N, C-alpha and C. Protein backbone atom coordinates (compact mmCIF):
# COMPACT_ATOMS: atom_id res chain seq x y z
N UNK A 1 8.77 -24.89 33.02
CA UNK A 1 7.45 -24.33 33.14
C UNK A 1 7.56 -22.96 33.79
N UNK A 2 6.91 -21.98 33.19
CA UNK A 2 6.94 -20.62 33.70
C UNK A 2 5.58 -20.25 34.27
N UNK A 3 5.57 -19.82 35.52
CA UNK A 3 4.32 -19.43 36.18
C UNK A 3 4.41 -17.96 36.52
N UNK A 4 3.38 -17.22 36.12
CA UNK A 4 3.36 -15.78 36.39
C UNK A 4 3.12 -15.54 37.87
N UNK A 5 3.85 -14.60 38.42
CA UNK A 5 3.69 -14.25 39.82
C UNK A 5 2.72 -13.08 39.96
N UNK A 6 1.85 -13.15 40.95
CA UNK A 6 0.90 -12.08 41.20
C UNK A 6 1.27 -11.27 42.44
N UNK A 7 2.47 -11.43 42.91
CA UNK A 7 2.88 -10.67 44.10
C UNK A 7 2.89 -9.19 43.77
N UNK A 8 2.30 -8.43 44.65
CA UNK A 8 2.26 -6.99 44.46
C UNK A 8 1.08 -6.54 43.61
N UNK A 9 0.49 -7.43 42.87
CA UNK A 9 -0.67 -7.07 42.05
C UNK A 9 -1.93 -7.49 42.78
N UNK A 10 -2.92 -6.65 42.69
CA UNK A 10 -4.20 -7.02 43.31
C UNK A 10 -5.16 -7.43 42.21
N UNK A 11 -5.65 -8.62 42.34
CA UNK A 11 -6.59 -9.15 41.37
C UNK A 11 -7.88 -9.46 42.12
N UNK A 12 -8.98 -8.89 41.65
CA UNK A 12 -10.26 -9.12 42.31
C UNK A 12 -11.30 -9.48 41.27
N UNK A 13 -12.04 -10.48 41.56
CA UNK A 13 -13.18 -10.86 40.75
C UNK A 13 -14.41 -10.50 41.57
N UNK A 14 -15.04 -9.40 41.24
CA UNK A 14 -16.14 -8.89 42.06
C UNK A 14 -17.32 -9.86 42.10
N UNK A 15 -17.58 -10.56 41.01
CA UNK A 15 -18.67 -11.53 40.99
C UNK A 15 -18.35 -12.68 41.95
N UNK A 16 -17.12 -13.15 41.93
CA UNK A 16 -16.73 -14.24 42.83
C UNK A 16 -16.83 -13.80 44.29
N UNK A 17 -16.46 -12.56 44.58
CA UNK A 17 -16.55 -12.08 45.95
C UNK A 17 -18.00 -12.03 46.43
N UNK A 18 -18.92 -11.62 45.57
CA UNK A 18 -20.33 -11.59 45.93
C UNK A 18 -20.84 -13.01 46.15
N UNK A 19 -20.45 -13.93 45.27
CA UNK A 19 -20.88 -15.33 45.42
C UNK A 19 -20.37 -15.92 46.73
N UNK A 20 -19.14 -15.61 47.09
CA UNK A 20 -18.58 -16.11 48.34
C UNK A 20 -19.36 -15.54 49.53
N UNK A 21 -19.70 -14.27 49.46
CA UNK A 21 -20.48 -13.66 50.55
C UNK A 21 -21.86 -14.31 50.67
N UNK A 22 -22.52 -14.57 49.54
CA UNK A 22 -23.83 -15.21 49.57
C UNK A 22 -23.75 -16.63 50.13
N UNK A 23 -22.71 -17.36 49.75
CA UNK A 23 -22.52 -18.71 50.30
C UNK A 23 -22.33 -18.65 51.81
N UNK A 24 -21.58 -17.67 52.27
CA UNK A 24 -21.39 -17.49 53.71
C UNK A 24 -22.70 -17.22 54.42
N UNK A 25 -23.55 -16.37 53.82
CA UNK A 25 -24.85 -16.09 54.41
C UNK A 25 -25.70 -17.35 54.49
N UNK A 26 -25.65 -18.17 53.44
CA UNK A 26 -26.41 -19.43 53.46
C UNK A 26 -25.88 -20.38 54.53
N UNK A 27 -24.57 -20.43 54.71
CA UNK A 27 -23.99 -21.31 55.73
C UNK A 27 -24.40 -20.86 57.13
N UNK A 28 -24.41 -19.55 57.35
CA UNK A 28 -24.83 -19.03 58.65
C UNK A 28 -26.29 -19.39 58.91
N UNK A 29 -27.14 -19.19 57.88
CA UNK A 29 -28.56 -19.52 58.04
C UNK A 29 -28.75 -21.01 58.28
N UNK A 30 -27.99 -21.83 57.57
CA UNK A 30 -28.12 -23.28 57.73
C UNK A 30 -27.69 -23.73 59.13
N UNK A 31 -26.65 -23.09 59.65
CA UNK A 31 -26.18 -23.50 60.97
C UNK A 31 -27.16 -23.08 62.07
N UNK A 32 -27.93 -22.03 61.82
CA UNK A 32 -28.89 -21.56 62.83
C UNK A 32 -30.27 -22.19 62.67
N UNK A 33 -30.51 -22.85 61.55
CA UNK A 33 -31.84 -23.39 61.27
C UNK A 33 -32.05 -24.72 61.98
N UNK A 34 -33.31 -24.98 62.27
CA UNK A 34 -33.67 -26.28 62.82
C UNK A 34 -33.95 -27.22 61.66
N UNK A 35 -33.64 -28.47 61.82
CA UNK A 35 -33.90 -29.44 60.76
C UNK A 35 -32.69 -29.63 59.86
N UNK A 36 -32.88 -30.47 58.85
CA UNK A 36 -31.78 -30.84 57.97
C UNK A 36 -31.59 -29.89 56.79
N UNK A 37 -32.64 -29.18 56.40
CA UNK A 37 -32.57 -28.37 55.19
C UNK A 37 -33.21 -27.00 55.38
N UNK A 38 -32.77 -26.05 54.56
CA UNK A 38 -33.41 -24.75 54.52
C UNK A 38 -34.57 -24.82 53.53
N UNK A 39 -35.68 -24.21 53.89
CA UNK A 39 -36.82 -24.18 52.97
C UNK A 39 -36.50 -23.21 51.83
N UNK A 40 -37.12 -23.42 50.68
CA UNK A 40 -36.91 -22.49 49.56
C UNK A 40 -37.25 -21.04 49.94
N UNK A 41 -38.28 -20.85 50.78
CA UNK A 41 -38.64 -19.50 51.20
C UNK A 41 -37.55 -18.87 52.06
N UNK A 42 -36.95 -19.64 52.94
CA UNK A 42 -35.87 -19.12 53.77
C UNK A 42 -34.63 -18.82 52.93
N UNK A 43 -34.33 -19.66 51.97
CA UNK A 43 -33.20 -19.40 51.07
C UNK A 43 -33.42 -18.09 50.32
N UNK A 44 -34.63 -17.88 49.81
CA UNK A 44 -34.94 -16.62 49.12
C UNK A 44 -34.79 -15.43 50.05
N UNK A 45 -35.22 -15.60 51.30
CA UNK A 45 -35.09 -14.52 52.27
C UNK A 45 -33.62 -14.20 52.56
N UNK A 46 -32.81 -15.23 52.75
CA UNK A 46 -31.39 -15.03 53.04
C UNK A 46 -30.69 -14.36 51.86
N UNK A 47 -31.03 -14.79 50.65
CA UNK A 47 -30.39 -14.24 49.45
C UNK A 47 -31.03 -12.94 48.98
N UNK A 48 -32.11 -12.54 49.67
CA UNK A 48 -32.81 -11.30 49.35
C UNK A 48 -33.33 -11.31 47.91
N UNK A 49 -33.98 -12.42 47.55
CA UNK A 49 -34.59 -12.53 46.22
C UNK A 49 -36.05 -12.91 46.40
N UNK A 50 -36.84 -12.64 45.38
CA UNK A 50 -38.24 -12.99 45.42
C UNK A 50 -38.53 -14.15 44.49
N UNK A 51 -39.73 -14.58 44.54
CA UNK A 51 -40.16 -15.64 43.64
C UNK A 51 -40.24 -15.10 42.22
N UNK A 52 -39.88 -15.92 41.24
CA UNK A 52 -39.99 -15.44 39.86
C UNK A 52 -41.45 -15.21 39.49
N UNK A 53 -41.68 -14.15 38.78
CA UNK A 53 -43.03 -13.83 38.34
C UNK A 53 -43.18 -14.14 36.86
N UNK A 54 -44.27 -13.69 36.29
CA UNK A 54 -44.46 -13.92 34.86
C UNK A 54 -43.45 -13.11 34.06
N UNK A 55 -43.14 -13.54 32.86
CA UNK A 55 -42.18 -12.79 32.05
C UNK A 55 -42.74 -11.40 31.69
N UNK A 56 -41.86 -10.45 31.46
CA UNK A 56 -42.34 -9.09 31.11
C UNK A 56 -43.03 -9.13 29.74
N UNK A 57 -43.89 -8.15 29.47
CA UNK A 57 -44.54 -8.09 28.17
C UNK A 57 -43.53 -7.93 27.04
N UNK A 58 -43.91 -8.35 25.87
CA UNK A 58 -43.02 -8.24 24.69
C UNK A 58 -42.63 -6.78 24.48
N UNK A 59 -41.40 -6.58 24.08
CA UNK A 59 -40.92 -5.24 23.79
C UNK A 59 -40.36 -4.49 24.98
N UNK A 60 -40.39 -5.10 26.17
CA UNK A 60 -39.89 -4.43 27.37
C UNK A 60 -38.36 -4.55 27.47
N UNK A 61 -37.82 -5.69 27.10
CA UNK A 61 -36.38 -5.91 27.20
C UNK A 61 -35.64 -5.11 26.14
N UNK A 62 -34.51 -4.50 26.51
CA UNK A 62 -33.71 -3.80 25.50
C UNK A 62 -33.11 -4.78 24.51
N UNK A 63 -32.99 -4.33 23.34
CA UNK A 63 -32.42 -5.21 22.28
C UNK A 63 -30.98 -4.97 22.07
């Protein structure tokens, strides 16, 4: 069996790094929160996202 070595090469998955950072932020918030669970509003605040709104009007999305 031949396994490629990654020594000396830098491999980064930028999406994975962002996901890891967001998970860390959620863990920090969970450890500081009172109670067993984070509320959906607090999760949105930690992840810096808003509530989904209505879909955009037809023709707005690029094709």
